[in-house]
Amino acid sequence: MKIVFFISIFTLLFLFLKNNQIKIKLNKKNEKISNFKKNKLSKETNINKIYLRNDERINLNPDINIKVDIYDKEHEIFNKINIHRARLAKFKKSKFNGEYIFLDENQNVYKIVNGTKVYL
């Protein structure tokens, strides 16, 4: 009699725990789906996409001027400098603050002033 009692309690306990684990897994999946939806529908995500597209456009054309102002934030300045460096590496020239800056075959950076190379 005691064995039947223990077996029945054990099976009930097992079924209860198993049911709770399934509910926990479903809740985690629902949380992931809701977080994904929130992330895709948020205004910040759309704004970030616009900035990324603009950075790609600037990165693909070395003739677009990259201007660094004193009012730019630090992370914006780093982003602009990285785009400038990438354009120098890819196209061997980049327009930065209104001046063309070039990169020669020895990885030296220079600009042309009055027809002469001025190495930076």
PDB file of N, CA and C in Angstrom:
ATOM      1  N   MET A   1       0.816  -1.199   0.000  1.00  0.00           N
ATOM      2  CA  MET A   1       0.000   0.000   0.000  1.00  0.00           C
ATOM      3  C   MET A   1       0.862   1.267   0.000  1.00  0.00           C
ATOM      4  N   LYS A   2       1.938   1.262   0.799  1.00  0.00           N
ATOM      5  CA  LYS A   2       2.824   2.410   0.859  1.00  0.00           C
ATOM      6  C   LYS A   2       3.528   2.631  -0.486  1.00  0.00           C
ATOM      7  N   ILE A   3       3.858   1.533  -1.158  1.00  0.00           N
ATOM      8  CA  ILE A   3       4.555   1.639  -2.436  1.00  0.00           C
ATOM      9  C   ILE A   3       3.645   2.275  -3.482  1.00  0.00           C
ATOM     10  N   VAL A   4       2.400   1.889  -3.524  1.00  0.00           N
ATOM     11  CA  VAL A   4       1.443   2.462  -4.468  1.00  0.00           C
ATOM     12  C   VAL A   4       1.254   3.945  -4.173  1.00  0.00           C
ATOM     13  N   PHE A   5       1.201   4.285  -2.916  1.00  0.00           N
ATOM     14  CA  PHE A   5       1.042   5.681  -2.508  1.00  0.00           C
ATOM     15  C   PHE A   5       2.234   6.518  -2.962  1.00  0.00           C
ATOM     16  N   PHE A   6       3.460   6.018  -2.728  1.00  0.00           N
ATOM     17  CA  PHE A   6       4.666   6.733  -3.127  1.00  0.00           C
ATOM     18  C   PHE A   6       4.779   6.852  -4.648  1.00  0.00           C
ATOM     19  N   ILE A   7       4.407   5.783  -5.341  1.00  0.00           N
ATOM     20  CA  ILE A   7       4.456   5.824  -6.809  1.00  0.00           C
ATOM     21  C   ILE A   7       3.459   6.845  -7.350  1.00  0.00           C
ATOM     22  N   SER A   8       2.275   6.875  -6.798  1.00  0.00           N
ATOM     23  CA  SER A   8       1.277   7.842  -7.271  1.00  0.00           C
ATOM     24  C   SER A   8       1.703   9.276  -6.972  1.00  0.00           C
ATOM     25  N   ILE A   9       2.276   9.509  -5.799  1.00  0.00           N
ATOM     26  CA  ILE A   9       2.770  10.858  -5.459  1.00  0.00           C
ATOM     27  C   ILE A   9       3.924  11.236  -6.386  1.00  0.00           C
ATOM     28  N   PHE A  10       4.810  10.289  -6.626  1.00  0.00           N
ATOM     29  CA  PHE A  10       5.939  10.550  -7.502  1.00  0.00           C
ATOM     30  C   PHE A  10       5.491  10.883  -8.922  1.00  0.00           C
ATOM     31  N   THR A  11       4.533  10.148  -9.448  1.00  0.00           N
ATOM     32  CA  THR A  11       4.045  10.429 -10.802  1.00  0.00           C
ATOM     33  C   THR A  11       3.331  11.769 -10.876  1.00  0.00           C
ATOM     34  N   LEU A  12       2.546  12.079  -9.849  1.00  0.00           N
ATOM     35  CA  LEU A  12       1.884  13.387  -9.832  1.00  0.00           C
ATOM     36  C   LEU A  12       2.908  14.520  -9.765  1.00  0.00           C
ATOM     37  N   LEU A  13       3.911  14.342  -8.935  1.00  0.00           N
ATOM     38  CA  LEU A  13       4.962  15.348  -8.821  1.00  0.00           C
ATOM     39  C   LEU A  13       5.716  15.492 -10.140  1.00  0.00           C
ATOM     40  N   PHE A  14       6.010  14.368 -10.772  1.00  0.00           N
ATOM     41  CA  PHE A  14       6.700  14.384 -12.054  1.00  0.00           C
ATOM     42  C   PHE A  14       5.873  15.103 -13.121  1.00  0.00           C
ATOM     43  N   LEU A  15       4.593  14.784 -13.196  1.00  0.00           N
ATOM     44  CA  LEU A  15       3.714  15.434 -14.176  1.00  0.00           C
ATOM     45  C   LEU A  15       3.578  16.928 -13.912  1.00  0.00           C
ATOM     46  N   PHE A  16       3.504  17.302 -12.653  1.00  0.00           N
ATOM     47  CA  PHE A  16       3.404  18.722 -12.294  1.00  0.00           C
ATOM     48  C   PHE A  16       4.656  19.476 -12.734  1.00  0.00           C
ATOM     49  N   LEU A  17       5.825  18.929 -12.435  1.00  0.00           N
ATOM     50  CA  LEU A  17       7.082  19.586 -12.811  1.00  0.00           C
ATOM     51  C   LEU A  17       7.249  19.646 -14.329  1.00  0.00           C
ATOM     52  N   LYS A  18       6.877  18.573 -14.990  1.00  0.00           N
ATOM     53  CA  LYS A  18       6.976  18.540 -16.454  1.00  0.00           C
ATOM     54  C   LYS A  18       6.085  19.605 -17.077  1.00  0.00           C
ATOM     55  N   ASN A  19       4.865  19.761 -16.563  1.00  0.00           N
ATOM     56  CA  ASN A  19       3.925  20.754 -17.067  1.00  0.00           C
ATOM     57  C   ASN A  19       4.472  22.168 -16.849  1.00  0.00           C
ATOM     58  N   ASN A  20       5.086  22.418 -15.697  1.00  0.00           N
ATOM     59  CA  ASN A  20       5.654  23.745 -15.422  1.00  0.00           C
ATOM     60  C   ASN A  20       6.831  24.045 -16.344  1.00  0.00           C
ATOM     61  N   GLN A  21       7.661  23.040 -16.638  1.00  0.00           N
ATOM     62  CA  GLN A  21       8.783  23.256 -17.548  1.00  0.00           C
ATOM     63  C   GLN A  21       8.292  23.623 -18.939  1.00  0.00           C
ATOM     64  N   ILE A  22       7.234  23.006 -19.398  1.00  0.00           N
ATOM     65  CA  ILE A  22       6.674  23.333 -20.711  1.00  0.00           C
ATOM     66  C   ILE A  22       6.152  24.767 -20.715  1.00  0.00           C
ATOM     67  N   LYS A  23       5.487  25.175 -19.636  1.00  0.00           N
ATOM     68  CA  LYS A  23       4.987  26.547 -19.554  1.00  0.00           C
ATOM     69  C   LYS A  23       6.130  27.548 -19.541  1.00  0.00           C
ATOM     70  N   ILE A  24       7.199  27.239 -18.831  1.00  0.00           N
ATOM     71  CA  ILE A  24       8.352  28.146 -18.765  1.00  0.00           C
ATOM     72  C   ILE A  24       8.975  28.286 -20.155  1.00  0.00           C
ATOM     73  N   LYS A  25       9.110  27.172 -20.872  1.00  0.00           N
ATOM     74  CA  LYS A  25       9.687  27.241 -22.217  1.00  0.00           C
ATOM     75  C   LYS A  25       8.802  28.064 -23.145  1.00  0.00           C
ATOM     76  N   LEU A  26       7.500  27.897 -23.043  1.00  0.00           N
ATOM     77  CA  LEU A  26       6.588  28.672 -23.884  1.00  0.00           C
ATOM     78  C   LEU A  26       6.669  30.156 -23.543  1.00  0.00           C
ATOM     79  N   ASN A  27       6.776  30.489 -22.263  1.00  0.00           N
ATOM     80  CA  ASN A  27       6.888  31.892 -21.874  1.00  0.00           C
ATOM     81  C   ASN A  27       8.171  32.508 -22.410  1.00  0.00           C
ATOM     82  N   LYS A  28       9.278  31.748 -22.376  1.00  0.00           N
ATOM     83  CA  LYS A  28      10.538  32.273 -22.908  1.00  0.00           C
ATOM     84  C   LYS A  28      10.432  32.522 -24.407  1.00  0.00           C
ATOM     85  N   LYS A  29       9.781  31.597 -25.126  1.00  0.00           N
ATOM     86  CA  LYS A  29       9.606  31.794 -26.560  1.00  0.00           C
ATOM     87  C   LYS A  29       8.742  33.016 -26.835  1.00  0.00           C
ATOM     88  N   ASN A  30       7.690  33.186 -26.073  1.00  0.00           N
ATOM     89  CA  ASN A  30       6.818  34.342 -26.260  1.00  0.00           C
ATOM     90  C   ASN A  30       7.565  35.636 -25.951  1.00  0.00           C
ATOM     91  N   GLU A  31       8.421  35.623 -24.939  1.00  0.00           N
ATOM     92  CA  GLU A  31       9.211  36.816 -24.612  1.00  0.00           C
ATOM     93  C   GLU A  31      10.168  37.148 -25.749  1.00  0.00           C
ATOM     94  N   LYS A  32      10.794  36.131 -26.312  1.00  0.00           N
ATOM     95  CA  LYS A  32      11.725  36.374 -27.416  1.00  0.00           C
ATOM     96  C   LYS A  32      11.003  36.957 -28.626  1.00  0.00           C
ATOM     97  N   ILE A  33       9.819  36.427 -28.919  1.00  0.00           N
ATOM     98  CA  ILE A  33       9.042  36.933 -30.048  1.00  0.00           C
ATOM     99  C   ILE A  33       8.614  38.374 -29.795  1.00  0.00           C
ATOM    100  N   SER A  34       8.156  38.659 -28.596  1.00  0.00           N
ATOM    101  CA  SER A  34       7.714  40.025 -28.299  1.00  0.00           C
ATOM    102  C   SER A  34       8.888  41.002 -28.313  1.00  0.00           C
ATOM    103  N   ASN A  35      10.048  40.585 -27.812  1.00  0.00           N
ATOM    104  CA  ASN A  35      11.228  41.453 -27.863  1.00  0.00           C
ATOM    105  C   ASN A  35      11.657  41.711 -29.304  1.00  0.00           C
ATOM    106  N   PHE A  36      11.575  40.681 -30.137  1.00  0.00           N
ATOM    107  CA  PHE A  36      11.919  40.841 -31.549  1.00  0.00           C
ATOM    108  C   PHE A  36      10.983  41.837 -32.217  1.00  0.00           C
ATOM    109  N   LYS A  37       9.692  41.719 -31.944  1.00  0.00           N
ATOM    110  CA  LYS A  37       8.715  42.640 -32.536  1.00  0.00           C
ATOM    111  C   LYS A  37       8.947  44.066 -32.059  1.00  0.00           C
ATOM    112  N   LYS A  38       9.201  44.219 -30.765  1.00  0.00           N
ATOM    113  CA  LYS A  38       9.451  45.564 -30.231  1.00  0.00           C
ATOM    114  C   LYS A  38      10.675  46.183 -30.878  1.00  0.00           C
ATOM    115  N   ASN A  39      11.699  45.370 -31.057  1.00  0.00           N
ATOM    116  CA  ASN A  39      12.938  45.872 -31.637  1.00  0.00           C
ATOM    117  C   ASN A  39      12.739  46.279 -33.088  1.00  0.00           C
ATOM    118  N   LYS A  40      12.010  45.509 -33.847  1.00  0.00           N
ATOM    119  CA  LYS A  40      11.809  45.813 -35.256  1.00  0.00           C
ATOM    120  C   LYS A  40      10.839  46.967 -35.484  1.00  0.00           C
ATOM    121  N   LEU A  41       9.949  47.201 -34.557  1.00  0.00           N
ATOM    122  CA  LEU A  41       8.953  48.250 -34.743  1.00  0.00           C
ATOM    123  C   LEU A  41       9.315  49.558 -34.039  1.00  0.00           C
ATOM    124  N   SER A  42      10.429  49.589 -33.325  1.00  0.00           N
ATOM    125  CA  SER A  42      10.762  50.790 -32.573  1.00  0.00           C
ATOM    126  C   SER A  42      11.292  51.889 -33.494  1.00  0.00           C
ATOM    127  N   LYS A  43      11.125  53.117 -33.077  1.00  0.00           N
ATOM    128  CA  LYS A  43      11.602  54.269 -33.855  1.00  0.00           C
ATOM    129  C   LYS A  43      13.124  54.311 -33.872  1.00  0.00           C
ATOM    130  N   GLU A  44      13.753  53.904 -32.763  1.00  0.00           N
ATOM    131  CA  GLU A  44      15.211  53.937 -32.693  1.00  0.00           C
ATOM    132  C   GLU A  44      15.834  53.019 -33.734  1.00  0.00           C
ATOM    133  N   THR A  45      15.239  51.857 -33.924  1.00  0.00           N
ATOM    134  CA  THR A  45      15.764  50.922 -34.910  1.00  0.00           C
ATOM    135  C   THR A  45      15.665  51.506 -36.311  1.00  0.00           C
ATOM    136  N   ASN A  46      14.545  52.145 -36.615  1.00  0.00           N
ATOM    137  CA  ASN A  46      14.391  52.759 -37.937  1.00  0.00           C
ATOM    138  C   ASN A  46      15.382  53.900 -38.134  1.00  0.00           C
ATOM    139  N   ILE A  47      15.625  54.682 -37.114  1.00  0.00           N
ATOM    140  CA  ILE A  47      16.600  55.776 -37.208  1.00  0.00           C
ATOM    141  C   ILE A  47      17.999  55.212 -37.412  1.00  0.00           C
ATOM    142  N   ASN A  48      18.332  54.151 -36.691  1.00  0.00           N
ATOM    143  CA  ASN A  48      19.655  53.526 -36.860  1.00  0.00           C
ATOM    144  C   ASN A  48      19.830  52.980 -38.270  1.00  0.00           C
ATOM    145  N   LYS A  49      18.776  52.421 -38.851  1.00  0.00           N
ATOM    146  CA  LYS A  49      18.852  51.925 -40.220  1.00  0.00           C
ATOM    147  C   LYS A  49      19.147  53.058 -41.194  1.00  0.00           C
ATOM    148  N   ILE A  50      18.523  54.206 -40.976  1.00  0.00           N
ATOM    149  CA  ILE A  50      18.755  55.359 -41.848  1.00  0.00           C
ATOM    150  C   ILE A  50      20.210  55.801 -41.754  1.00  0.00           C
ATOM    151  N   TYR A  51      20.754  55.867 -40.538  1.00  0.00           N
ATOM    152  CA  TYR A  51      22.151  56.257 -40.371  1.00  0.00           C
ATOM    153  C   TYR A  51      23.093  55.237 -41.017  1.00  0.00           C
ATOM    154  N   LEU A  52      22.777  53.957 -40.900  1.00  0.00           N
ATOM    155  CA  LEU A  52      23.624  52.941 -41.513  1.00  0.00           C
ATOM    156  C   LEU A  52      23.614  53.057 -43.038  1.00  0.00           C
ATOM    157  N   ARG A  53      22.449  53.327 -43.611  1.00  0.00           N
ATOM    158  CA  ARG A  53      22.373  53.505 -45.066  1.00  0.00           C
ATOM    159  C   ARG A  53      23.179  54.723 -45.501  1.00  0.00           C
ATOM    160  N   ASN A  54      23.096  55.803 -44.732  1.00  0.00           N
ATOM    161  CA  ASN A  54      23.852  57.009 -45.057  1.00  0.00           C
ATOM    162  C   ASN A  54      25.351  56.735 -44.961  1.00  0.00           C
ATOM    163  N   ASP A  55      25.777  56.002 -43.934  1.00  0.00           N
ATOM    164  CA  ASP A  55      27.194  55.662 -43.797  1.00  0.00           C
ATOM    165  C   ASP A  55      27.663  54.798 -44.966  1.00  0.00           C
ATOM    166  N   GLU A  56      26.828  53.858 -45.413  1.00  0.00           N
ATOM    167  CA  GLU A  56      27.188  53.041 -46.571  1.00  0.00           C
ATOM    168  C   GLU A  56      27.341  53.893 -47.828  1.00  0.00           C
ATOM    169  N   ARG A  57      26.412  54.835 -48.017  1.00  0.00           N
ATOM    170  CA  ARG A  57      26.465  55.713 -49.192  1.00  0.00           C
ATOM    171  C   ARG A  57      27.744  56.540 -49.170  1.00  0.00           C
ATOM    172  N   ILE A  58      28.089  57.076 -48.015  1.00  0.00           N
ATOM    173  CA  ILE A  58      29.307  57.883 -47.892  1.00  0.00           C
ATOM    174  C   ILE A  58      30.543  57.014 -48.090  1.00  0.00           C
ATOM    175  N   ASN A  59      30.494  55.792 -47.586  1.00  0.00           N
ATOM    176  CA  ASN A  59      31.643  54.896 -47.683  1.00  0.00           C
ATOM    177  C   ASN A  59      31.921  54.480 -49.127  1.00  0.00           C
ATOM    178  N   LEU A  60      30.909  54.434 -49.960  1.00  0.00           N
ATOM    179  CA  LEU A  60      31.086  53.982 -51.337  1.00  0.00           C
ATOM    180  C   LEU A  60      31.516  55.077 -52.302  1.00  0.00           C
ATOM    181  N   ASN A  61      31.537  56.333 -51.864  1.00  0.00           N
ATOM    182  CA  ASN A  61      31.904  57.431 -52.754  1.00  0.00           C
ATOM    183  C   ASN A  61      32.957  58.306 -52.063  1.00  0.00           C
ATOM    184  N   PRO A  62      34.218  58.280 -52.531  1.00  0.00           N
ATOM    185  CA  PRO A  62      35.255  59.077 -51.864  1.00  0.00           C
ATOM    186  C   PRO A  62      35.158  60.569 -52.141  1.00  0.00           C
ATOM    187  N   ASP A  63      34.275  60.975 -53.052  1.00  0.00           N
ATOM    188  CA  ASP A  63      34.137  62.394 -53.378  1.00  0.00           C
ATOM    189  C   ASP A  63      33.150  63.119 -52.470  1.00  0.00           C
ATOM    190  N   ILE A  64      32.425  62.390 -51.643  1.00  0.00           N
ATOM    191  CA  ILE A  64      31.504  63.029 -50.692  1.00  0.00           C
ATOM    192  C   ILE A  64      32.325  63.542 -49.521  1.00  0.00           C
ATOM    193  N   ASN A  65      32.099  64.798 -49.170  1.00  0.00           N
ATOM    194  CA  ASN A  65      32.856  65.430 -48.096  1.00  0.00           C
ATOM    195  C   ASN A  65      32.396  64.909 -46.736  1.00  0.00           C
ATOM    196  N   ILE A  66      33.374  64.557 -45.906  1.00  0.00           N
ATOM    197  CA  ILE A  66      33.100  64.218 -44.511  1.00  0.00           C
ATOM    198  C   ILE A  66      33.556  65.415 -43.685  1.00  0.00           C
ATOM    199  N   LYS A  67      32.615  66.036 -43.012  1.00  0.00           N
ATOM    200  CA  LYS A  67      32.933  67.230 -42.237  1.00  0.00           C
ATOM    201  C   LYS A  67      32.823  66.923 -40.754  1.00  0.00           C
ATOM    202  N   VAL A  68      33.877  67.242 -40.024  1.00  0.00           N
ATOM    203  CA  VAL A  68      33.899  67.065 -38.576  1.00  0.00           C
ATOM    204  C   VAL A  68      33.769  68.441 -37.948  1.00  0.00           C
ATOM    205  N   ASP A  69      32.713  68.630 -37.158  1.00  0.00           N
ATOM    206  CA  ASP A  69      32.463  69.900 -36.483  1.00  0.00           C
ATOM    207  C   ASP A  69      32.852  69.802 -35.017  1.00  0.00           C
ATOM    208  N   ILE A  70      32.934  70.965 -34.389  1.00  0.00           N
ATOM    209  CA  ILE A  70      33.238  70.967 -32.958  1.00  0.00           C
ATOM    210  C   ILE A  70      32.027  70.526 -32.140  1.00  0.00           C
ATOM    211  N   TYR A  71      30.854  70.535 -32.758  1.00  0.00           N
ATOM    212  CA  TYR A  71      29.638  70.147 -32.046  1.00  0.00           C
ATOM    213  C   TYR A  71      29.324  68.657 -32.159  1.00  0.00           C
ATOM    214  N   ASP A  72      30.111  67.923 -32.957  1.00  0.00           N
ATOM    215  CA  ASP A  72      29.881  66.487 -33.097  1.00  0.00           C
ATOM    216  C   ASP A  72      30.228  65.769 -31.794  1.00  0.00           C
ATOM    217  N   LYS A  73      29.485  64.715 -31.526  1.00  0.00           N
ATOM    218  CA  LYS A  73      29.765  63.898 -30.347  1.00  0.00           C
ATOM    219  C   LYS A  73      30.949  62.992 -30.646  1.00  0.00           C
ATOM    220  N   GLU A  74      31.536  62.470 -29.590  1.00  0.00           N
ATOM    221  CA  GLU A  74      32.754  61.680 -29.741  1.00  0.00           C
ATOM    222  C   GLU A  74      32.535  60.448 -30.608  1.00  0.00           C
ATOM    223  N   HIS A  75      31.429  59.740 -30.405  1.00  0.00           N
ATOM    224  CA  HIS A  75      31.189  58.534 -31.203  1.00  0.00           C
ATOM    225  C   HIS A  75      30.925  58.886 -32.667  1.00  0.00           C
ATOM    226  N   GLU A  76      30.347  60.058 -32.941  1.00  0.00           N
ATOM    227  CA  GLU A  76      30.147  60.488 -34.325  1.00  0.00           C
ATOM    228  C   GLU A  76      31.484  60.790 -34.998  1.00  0.00           C
ATOM    229  N   ILE A  77      32.393  61.410 -34.254  1.00  0.00           N
ATOM    230  CA  ILE A  77      33.715  61.720 -34.795  1.00  0.00           C
ATOM    231  C   ILE A  77      34.467  60.439 -35.123  1.00  0.00           C
ATOM    232  N   PHE A  78      34.433  59.466 -34.203  1.00  0.00           N
ATOM    233  CA  PHE A  78      35.097  58.197 -34.462  1.00  0.00           C
ATOM    234  C   PHE A  78      34.506  57.498 -35.676  1.00  0.00           C
ATOM    235  N   ASN A  79      33.195  57.558 -35.826  1.00  0.00           N
ATOM    236  CA  ASN A  79      32.537  56.944 -36.975  1.00  0.00           C
ATOM    237  C   ASN A  79      32.991  57.612 -38.271  1.00  0.00           C
ATOM    238  N   LYS A  80      33.036  58.937 -38.285  1.00  0.00           N
ATOM    239  CA  LYS A  80      33.465  59.658 -39.490  1.00  0.00           C
ATOM    240  C   LYS A  80      34.928  59.366 -39.826  1.00  0.00           C
ATOM    241  N   ILE A  81      35.765  59.298 -38.806  1.00  0.00           N
ATOM    242  CA  ILE A  81      37.184  59.005 -39.045  1.00  0.00           C
ATOM    243  C   ILE A  81      37.353  57.588 -39.585  1.00  0.00           C
ATOM    244  N   ASN A  82      36.590  56.646 -39.062  1.00  0.00           N
ATOM    245  CA  ASN A  82      36.683  55.273 -39.558  1.00  0.00           C
ATOM    246  C   ASN A  82      36.212  55.161 -41.001  1.00  0.00           C
ATOM    247  N   ILE A  83      35.162  55.898 -41.354  1.00  0.00           N
ATOM    248  CA  ILE A  83      34.715  55.914 -42.746  1.00  0.00           C
ATOM    249  C   ILE A  83      35.802  56.501 -43.643  1.00  0.00           C
ATOM    250  N   HIS A  84      36.433  57.586 -43.180  1.00  0.00           N
ATOM    251  CA  HIS A  84      37.515  58.227 -43.937  1.00  0.00           C
ATOM    252  C   HIS A  84      38.666  57.251 -44.154  1.00  0.00           C
ATOM    253  N   ARG A  85      39.058  56.537 -43.103  1.00  0.00           N
ATOM    254  CA  ARG A  85      40.158  55.569 -43.227  1.00  0.00           C
ATOM    255  C   ARG A  85      39.794  54.425 -44.175  1.00  0.00           C
ATOM    256  N   ALA A  86      38.565  53.985 -44.115  1.00  0.00           N
ATOM    257  CA  ALA A  86      38.131  52.908 -45.001  1.00  0.00           C
ATOM    258  C   ALA A  86      38.166  53.365 -46.460  1.00  0.00           C
ATOM    259  N   ARG A  87      37.747  54.604 -46.707  1.00  0.00           N
ATOM    260  CA  ARG A  87      37.783  55.122 -48.078  1.00  0.00           C
ATOM    261  C   ARG A  87      39.213  55.279 -48.561  1.00  0.00           C
ATOM    262  N   LEU A  88      40.119  55.717 -47.678  1.00  0.00           N
ATOM    263  CA  LEU A  88      41.528  55.813 -48.064  1.00  0.00           C
ATOM    264  C   LEU A  88      42.082  54.443 -48.431  1.00  0.00           C
ATOM    265  N   ALA A  89      41.748  53.444 -47.653  1.00  0.00           N
ATOM    266  CA  ALA A  89      42.258  52.104 -47.924  1.00  0.00           C
ATOM    267  C   ALA A  89      41.681  51.538 -49.220  1.00  0.00           C
ATOM    268  N   LYS A  90      40.438  51.833 -49.498  1.00  0.00           N
ATOM    269  CA  LYS A  90      39.773  51.255 -50.666  1.00  0.00           C
ATOM    270  C   LYS A  90      40.059  52.027 -51.951  1.00  0.00           C
ATOM    271  N   PHE A  91      39.916  53.360 -51.902  1.00  0.00           N
ATOM    272  CA  PHE A  91      40.016  54.177 -53.113  1.00  0.00           C
ATOM    273  C   PHE A  91      41.326  54.954 -53.231  1.00  0.00           C
ATOM    274  N   LYS A  92      42.130  54.946 -52.189  1.00  0.00           N
ATOM    275  CA  LYS A  92      43.399  55.687 -52.136  1.00  0.00           C
ATOM    276  C   LYS A  92      43.196  57.199 -52.134  1.00  0.00           C
ATOM    277  N   LYS A  93      41.953  57.648 -51.922  1.00  0.00           N
ATOM    278  CA  LYS A  93      41.678  59.079 -51.774  1.00  0.00           C
ATOM    279  C   LYS A  93      40.378  59.226 -50.991  1.00  0.00           C
ATOM    280  N   SER A  94      40.244  60.382 -50.342  1.00  0.00           N
ATOM    281  CA  SER A  94      39.026  60.667 -49.592  1.00  0.00           C
ATOM    282  C   SER A  94      38.946  62.173 -49.357  1.00  0.00           C
ATOM    283  N   LYS A  95      37.732  62.695 -49.408  1.00  0.00           N
ATOM    284  CA  LYS A  95      37.526  64.118 -49.152  1.00  0.00           C
ATOM    285  C   LYS A  95      37.127  64.274 -47.684  1.00  0.00           C
ATOM    286  N   PHE A  96      37.960  65.018 -46.948  1.00  0.00           N
ATOM    287  CA  PHE A  96      37.769  65.171 -45.509  1.00  0.00           C
ATOM    288  C   PHE A  96      37.881  66.645 -45.154  1.00  0.00           C
ATOM    289  N   ASN A  97      36.825  67.212 -44.602  1.00  0.00           N
ATOM    290  CA  ASN A  97      36.764  68.647 -44.264  1.00  0.00           C
ATOM    291  C   ASN A  97      37.102  69.526 -45.464  1.00  0.00           C
ATOM    292  N   GLY A  98      36.628  69.160 -46.635  1.00  0.00           N
ATOM    293  CA  GLY A  98      36.783  69.977 -47.829  1.00  0.00           C
ATOM    294  C   GLY A  98      38.082  69.789 -48.570  1.00  0.00           C
ATOM    295  N   GLU A  99      38.988  68.937 -48.103  1.00  0.00           N
ATOM    296  CA  GLU A  99      40.266  68.717 -48.764  1.00  0.00           C
ATOM    297  C   GLU A  99      40.384  67.247 -49.150  1.00  0.00           C
ATOM    298  N   TYR A 100      40.962  67.016 -50.323  1.00  0.00           N
ATOM    299  CA  TYR A 100      41.239  65.638 -50.717  1.00  0.00           C
ATOM    300  C   TYR A 100      42.514  65.173 -50.039  1.00  0.00           C
ATOM    301  N   ILE A 101      42.445  64.007 -49.455  1.00  0.00           N
ATOM    302  CA  ILE A 101      43.608  63.389 -48.831  1.00  0.00           C
ATOM    303  C   ILE A 101      43.852  62.085 -49.569  1.00  0.00           C
ATOM    304  N   PHE A 102      45.128  61.826 -49.903  1.00  0.00           N
ATOM    305  CA  PHE A 102      45.483  60.680 -50.719  1.00  0.00           C
ATOM    306  C   PHE A 102      46.372  59.724 -49.938  1.00  0.00           C
ATOM    307  N   LEU A 103      46.444  58.488 -50.426  1.00  0.00           N
ATOM    308  CA  LEU A 103      47.299  57.462 -49.849  1.00  0.00           C
ATOM    309  C   LEU A 103      48.147  56.879 -50.977  1.00  0.00           C
ATOM    310  N   ASP A 104      49.494  56.927 -50.834  1.00  0.00           N
ATOM    311  CA  ASP A 104      50.331  56.393 -51.907  1.00  0.00           C
ATOM    312  C   ASP A 104      50.630  54.913 -51.674  1.00  0.00           C
ATOM    313  N   GLU A 105      51.443  54.329 -52.566  1.00  0.00           N
ATOM    314  CA  GLU A 105      51.705  52.892 -52.502  1.00  0.00           C
ATOM    315  C   GLU A 105      52.517  52.485 -51.271  1.00  0.00           C
ATOM    316  N   ASN A 106      53.208  53.428 -50.633  1.00  0.00           N
ATOM    317  CA  ASN A 106      53.977  53.141 -49.415  1.00  0.00           C
ATOM    318  C   ASN A 106      53.173  53.429 -48.149  1.00  0.00           C
ATOM    319  N   GLN A 107      51.868  53.587 -48.309  1.00  0.00           N
ATOM    320  CA  GLN A 107      50.949  53.858 -47.195  1.00  0.00           C
ATOM    321  C   GLN A 107      51.227  55.199 -46.516  1.00  0.00           C
ATOM    322  N   ASN A 108      51.775  56.144 -47.258  1.00  0.00           N
ATOM    323  CA  ASN A 108      51.981  57.505 -46.760  1.00  0.00           C
ATOM    324  C   ASN A 108      50.774  58.356 -47.131  1.00  0.00           C
ATOM    325  N   VAL A 109      50.346  59.175 -46.213  1.00  0.00           N
ATOM    326  CA  VAL A 109      49.173  60.027 -46.413  1.00  0.00           C
ATOM    327  C   VAL A 109      49.660  61.420 -46.796  1.00  0.00           C
ATOM    328  N   TYR A 110      49.034  61.969 -47.847  1.00  0.00           N
ATOM    329  CA  TYR A 110      49.424  63.302 -48.298  1.00  0.00           C
ATOM    330  C   TYR A 110      48.208  64.025 -48.872  1.00  0.00           C
ATOM    331  N   LYS A 111      48.380  65.350 -49.021  1.00  0.00           N
ATOM    332  CA  LYS A 111      47.405  66.163 -49.732  1.00  0.00           C
ATOM    333  C   LYS A 111      48.180  67.033 -50.712  1.00  0.00           C
ATOM    334  N   ILE A 112      47.477  67.521 -51.716  1.00  0.00           N
ATOM    335  CA  ILE A 112      48.120  68.331 -52.750  1.00  0.00           C
ATOM    336  C   ILE A 112      47.776  69.792 -52.498  1.00  0.00           C
ATOM    337  N   VAL A 113      48.825  70.611 -52.312  1.00  0.00           N
ATOM    338  CA  VAL A 113      48.663  72.049 -52.080  1.00  0.00           C
ATOM    339  C   VAL A 113      49.490  72.758 -53.145  1.00  0.00           C
ATOM    340  N   ASN A 114      48.811  73.574 -53.964  1.00  0.00           N
ATOM    341  CA  ASN A 114      49.464  74.325 -55.045  1.00  0.00           C
ATOM    342  C   ASN A 114      50.300  73.429 -55.957  1.00  0.00           C
ATOM    343  N   GLY A 115      49.806  72.218 -56.229  1.00  0.00           N
ATOM    344  CA  GLY A 115      50.467  71.321 -57.155  1.00  0.00           C
ATOM    345  C   GLY A 115      51.603  70.504 -56.544  1.00  0.00           C
ATOM    346  N   THR A 116      51.868  70.639 -55.267  1.00  0.00           N
ATOM    347  CA  THR A 116      52.918  69.853 -54.646  1.00  0.00           C
ATOM    348  C   THR A 116      52.330  68.968 -53.554  1.00  0.00           C
ATOM    349  N   LYS A 117      52.956  67.806 -53.356  1.00  0.00           N
ATOM    350  CA  LYS A 117      52.513  66.877 -52.318  1.00  0.00           C
ATOM    351  C   LYS A 117      53.005  67.335 -50.960  1.00  0.00           C
ATOM    352  N   VAL A 118      52.084  67.415 -50.047  1.00  0.00           N
ATOM    353  CA  VAL A 118      52.434  67.738 -48.653  1.00  0.00           C
ATOM    354  C   VAL A 118      52.044  66.528 -47.817  1.00  0.00           C
ATOM    355  N   TYR A 119      53.080  65.833 -47.304  1.00  0.00           N
ATOM    356  CA  TYR A 119      52.822  64.632 -46.522  1.00  0.00           C
ATOM    357  C   TYR A 119      52.379  64.994 -45.115  1.00  0.00           C
ATOM    358  N   LEU A 120      51.414  64.238 -44.641  1.00  0.00           N
ATOM    359  CA  LEU A 120      50.855  64.507 -43.311  1.00  0.00           C
ATOM    360  C   LEU A 120      51.396  63.539 -42.282  1.00  0.00           C
TER     361      LEU A 120
END
